[in-house]
Amino acid sequence: MSSTVIKETTSVKLDKAAKDEAKRIFGELGLTMGEAFNLFLHQVTLNKGLPFEVKIPDKLTKSIIDEAQKTQTVPKRLE
């Protein structure tokens, strides 16, 4: 039994630096950007949600994130 996969072109706005780094990593894995996105979409379908945990950060984590964003450095408590 053969099935035909219908492909569709889509457009999304991405963070350029994140996209470039991800594309480099996908290349090392032998994947194109499209193949990696399709893998992600299949995982979302299999997991019935995001294939990784997403949480609201606790107060300590939030303060560390805020400090790092303001100073553009890693807070000393994490070194």
N, C-alpha and C. Protein backbone atom coordinates (compact mmCIF):
# COMPACT_ATOMS: atom_id res chain seq x y z
N MET A 1 0.85 -1.17 0.00
CA MET A 1 0.00 0.00 0.00
C MET A 1 0.90 1.23 0.00
N SER A 2 0.76 2.07 -0.99
CA SER A 2 1.57 3.29 -1.03
C SER A 2 0.69 4.49 -0.74
N SER A 3 1.28 5.45 -0.08
CA SER A 3 0.54 6.68 0.19
C SER A 3 1.38 7.86 -0.30
N THR A 4 0.70 8.82 -0.82
CA THR A 4 1.37 10.01 -1.33
C THR A 4 1.32 11.10 -0.27
N VAL A 5 2.48 11.64 0.03
CA VAL A 5 2.54 12.75 0.99
C VAL A 5 2.36 14.04 0.20
N ILE A 6 1.38 14.80 0.58
CA ILE A 6 1.14 16.10 -0.05
C ILE A 6 1.93 17.14 0.73
N LYS A 7 2.80 17.82 0.03
CA LYS A 7 3.63 18.84 0.67
C LYS A 7 3.04 20.22 0.38
N GLU A 8 3.24 21.12 1.32
CA GLU A 8 2.71 22.47 1.22
C GLU A 8 3.78 23.45 1.65
N THR A 9 3.90 24.52 0.94
CA THR A 9 4.84 25.58 1.31
C THR A 9 4.16 26.52 2.29
N THR A 10 4.91 26.93 3.30
CA THR A 10 4.38 27.86 4.28
C THR A 10 5.44 28.91 4.59
N SER A 11 5.04 29.97 5.21
CA SER A 11 5.96 31.04 5.55
C SER A 11 5.81 31.37 7.03
N VAL A 12 6.93 31.46 7.73
CA VAL A 12 6.91 31.83 9.14
C VAL A 12 8.00 32.85 9.40
N LYS A 13 7.78 33.70 10.38
CA LYS A 13 8.81 34.66 10.78
C LYS A 13 9.60 34.05 11.92
N LEU A 14 10.92 33.98 11.74
CA LEU A 14 11.79 33.34 12.72
C LEU A 14 12.88 34.30 13.18
N ASP A 15 13.37 34.06 14.38
CA ASP A 15 14.56 34.76 14.88
C ASP A 15 15.74 34.31 14.01
N LYS A 16 16.39 35.25 13.33
CA LYS A 16 17.44 34.91 12.37
C LYS A 16 18.59 34.13 13.01
N ALA A 17 19.06 34.58 14.16
CA ALA A 17 20.19 33.90 14.81
C ALA A 17 19.81 32.48 15.20
N ALA A 18 18.61 32.31 15.75
CA ALA A 18 18.16 30.97 16.14
C ALA A 18 18.02 30.08 14.92
N LYS A 19 17.46 30.63 13.85
CA LYS A 19 17.29 29.86 12.62
C LYS A 19 18.63 29.43 12.04
N ASP A 20 19.58 30.36 11.98
CA ASP A 20 20.89 30.05 11.42
C ASP A 20 21.60 28.96 12.22
N GLU A 21 21.53 29.05 13.55
CA GLU A 21 22.18 28.04 14.40
C GLU A 21 21.48 26.69 14.25
N ALA A 22 20.16 26.71 14.23
CA ALA A 22 19.41 25.46 14.05
C ALA A 22 19.72 24.84 12.69
N LYS A 23 19.80 25.66 11.66
CA LYS A 23 20.10 25.16 10.31
C LYS A 23 21.48 24.50 10.28
N ARG A 24 22.44 25.10 10.99
CA ARG A 24 23.78 24.52 11.06
C ARG A 24 23.73 23.15 11.74
N ILE A 25 22.99 23.07 12.85
CA ILE A 25 22.87 21.81 13.59
C ILE A 25 22.15 20.77 12.74
N PHE A 26 21.06 21.17 12.07
CA PHE A 26 20.36 20.24 11.20
C PHE A 26 21.29 19.70 10.12
N GLY A 27 22.13 20.58 9.58
CA GLY A 27 23.10 20.16 8.57
C GLY A 27 24.04 19.08 9.09
N GLU A 28 24.50 19.25 10.33
CA GLU A 28 25.37 18.24 10.95
C GLU A 28 24.64 16.91 11.12
N LEU A 29 23.32 16.99 11.30
CA LEU A 29 22.50 15.79 11.45
C LEU A 29 22.06 15.21 10.11
N GLY A 30 22.42 15.90 9.01
CA GLY A 30 22.04 15.44 7.69
C GLY A 30 20.59 15.75 7.34
N LEU A 31 20.04 16.78 7.98
CA LEU A 31 18.65 17.16 7.75
C LEU A 31 18.55 18.53 7.10
N THR A 32 17.58 18.70 6.24
CA THR A 32 17.26 20.03 5.74
C THR A 32 16.34 20.70 6.76
N MET A 33 16.15 22.00 6.60
CA MET A 33 15.24 22.72 7.48
C MET A 33 13.83 22.14 7.35
N GLY A 34 13.40 21.86 6.15
CA GLY A 34 12.07 21.30 5.93
C GLY A 34 11.91 19.93 6.58
N GLU A 35 12.92 19.08 6.46
CA GLU A 35 12.86 17.76 7.10
C GLU A 35 12.78 17.89 8.61
N ALA A 36 13.55 18.81 9.18
CA ALA A 36 13.54 19.01 10.63
C ALA A 36 12.17 19.51 11.09
N PHE A 37 11.58 20.44 10.34
CA PHE A 37 10.26 20.94 10.70
C PHE A 37 9.21 19.84 10.60
N ASN A 38 9.31 19.01 9.57
CA ASN A 38 8.37 17.89 9.44
C ASN A 38 8.52 16.92 10.60
N LEU A 39 9.75 16.65 11.03
CA LEU A 39 9.97 15.79 12.21
C LEU A 39 9.30 16.40 13.44
N PHE A 40 9.48 17.72 13.61
CA PHE A 40 8.85 18.41 14.73
C PHE A 40 7.33 18.26 14.67
N LEU A 41 6.74 18.50 13.50
CA LEU A 41 5.29 18.40 13.36
C LEU A 41 4.78 16.99 13.64
N HIS A 42 5.52 15.98 13.18
CA HIS A 42 5.13 14.60 13.47
C HIS A 42 5.21 14.31 14.97
N GLN A 43 6.21 14.85 15.64
CA GLN A 43 6.33 14.65 17.09
C GLN A 43 5.18 15.34 17.83
N VAL A 44 4.79 16.51 17.37
CA VAL A 44 3.64 17.20 17.97
C VAL A 44 2.40 16.31 17.85
N THR A 45 2.21 15.73 16.68
CA THR A 45 1.06 14.85 16.44
C THR A 45 1.13 13.61 17.33
N LEU A 46 2.30 12.98 17.40
CA LEU A 46 2.45 11.77 18.22
C LEU A 46 2.25 12.06 19.71
N ASN A 47 2.75 13.21 20.17
CA ASN A 47 2.68 13.58 21.59
C ASN A 47 1.38 14.30 21.95
N LYS A 48 0.60 14.65 20.95
CA LYS A 48 -0.63 15.44 21.17
C LYS A 48 -0.30 16.74 21.91
N GLY A 49 0.82 17.32 21.58
CA GLY A 49 1.28 18.56 22.19
C GLY A 49 2.74 18.77 21.83
N LEU A 50 3.34 19.74 22.46
CA LEU A 50 4.77 19.99 22.20
C LEU A 50 5.60 18.79 22.66
N PRO A 51 6.62 18.44 21.91
CA PRO A 51 7.43 17.27 22.27
C PRO A 51 8.50 17.56 23.32
N PHE A 52 8.27 18.60 24.10
CA PHE A 52 9.17 18.95 25.19
C PHE A 52 8.36 19.70 26.23
N GLU A 53 8.88 19.77 27.43
CA GLU A 53 8.15 20.42 28.52
C GLU A 53 8.25 21.94 28.42
N VAL A 54 7.14 22.60 28.61
CA VAL A 54 7.10 24.07 28.64
C VAL A 54 6.48 24.46 29.97
N LYS A 55 7.23 25.26 30.75
CA LYS A 55 6.75 25.64 32.07
C LYS A 55 6.91 27.14 32.26
N ILE A 56 6.10 27.68 33.13
CA ILE A 56 6.27 29.06 33.57
C ILE A 56 7.40 29.03 34.60
N PRO A 57 8.44 29.85 34.41
CA PRO A 57 9.57 29.79 35.34
C PRO A 57 9.19 30.24 36.75
N ASP A 58 9.86 29.63 37.75
CA ASP A 58 9.64 30.05 39.13
C ASP A 58 10.30 31.41 39.35
N LYS A 59 10.13 32.00 40.53
CA LYS A 59 10.63 33.36 40.80
C LYS A 59 12.14 33.46 40.63
N LEU A 60 12.89 32.46 41.12
CA LEU A 60 14.35 32.51 41.01
C LEU A 60 14.78 32.47 39.55
N THR A 61 14.22 31.54 38.80
CA THR A 61 14.56 31.43 37.38
C THR A 61 14.20 32.70 36.64
N LYS A 62 13.03 33.26 36.94
CA LYS A 62 12.59 34.50 36.29
C LYS A 62 13.55 35.64 36.61
N SER A 63 14.01 35.74 37.85
CA SER A 63 14.93 36.82 38.20
C SER A 63 16.28 36.65 37.49
N ILE A 64 16.72 35.41 37.33
CA ILE A 64 17.98 35.15 36.62
C ILE A 64 17.83 35.50 35.15
N ILE A 65 16.72 35.14 34.55
CA ILE A 65 16.46 35.48 33.15
C ILE A 65 16.43 37.00 32.98
N ASP A 66 15.69 37.69 33.85
CA ASP A 66 15.60 39.15 33.78
C ASP A 66 16.97 39.80 33.90
N GLU A 67 17.77 39.33 34.86
CA GLU A 67 19.12 39.89 35.07
C GLU A 67 20.00 39.66 33.84
N ALA A 68 19.93 38.46 33.28
CA ALA A 68 20.74 38.14 32.10
C ALA A 68 20.33 38.99 30.91
N GLN A 69 19.03 39.23 30.74
CA GLN A 69 18.57 40.05 29.62
C GLN A 69 18.98 41.51 29.79
N LYS A 70 18.97 42.00 31.00
CA LYS A 70 19.34 43.40 31.25
C LYS A 70 20.83 43.62 31.06
N THR A 71 21.64 42.68 31.54
CA THR A 71 23.08 42.87 31.54
C THR A 71 23.78 42.20 30.37
N GLN A 72 23.07 41.33 29.64
CA GLN A 72 23.65 40.58 28.53
C GLN A 72 24.82 39.71 28.99
N THR A 73 24.80 39.30 30.27
CA THR A 73 25.84 38.42 30.83
C THR A 73 25.19 37.32 31.63
N VAL A 74 25.95 36.30 31.93
CA VAL A 74 25.49 35.23 32.80
C VAL A 74 25.61 35.70 34.25
N PRO A 75 24.53 35.68 35.01
CA PRO A 75 24.63 36.12 36.40
C PRO A 75 25.68 35.31 37.17
N LYS A 76 26.38 35.98 38.08
CA LYS A 76 27.47 35.35 38.84
C LYS A 76 27.01 34.08 39.55
N ARG A 77 25.77 34.05 40.00
CA ARG A 77 25.29 32.86 40.74
C ARG A 77 25.23 31.62 39.87
N LEU A 78 25.37 31.77 38.53
CA LEU A 78 25.34 30.62 37.63
C LEU A 78 26.73 30.24 37.13
N GLU A 79 27.74 31.02 37.45
CA GLU A 79 29.10 30.73 36.96
C GLU A 79 29.72 29.60 37.75
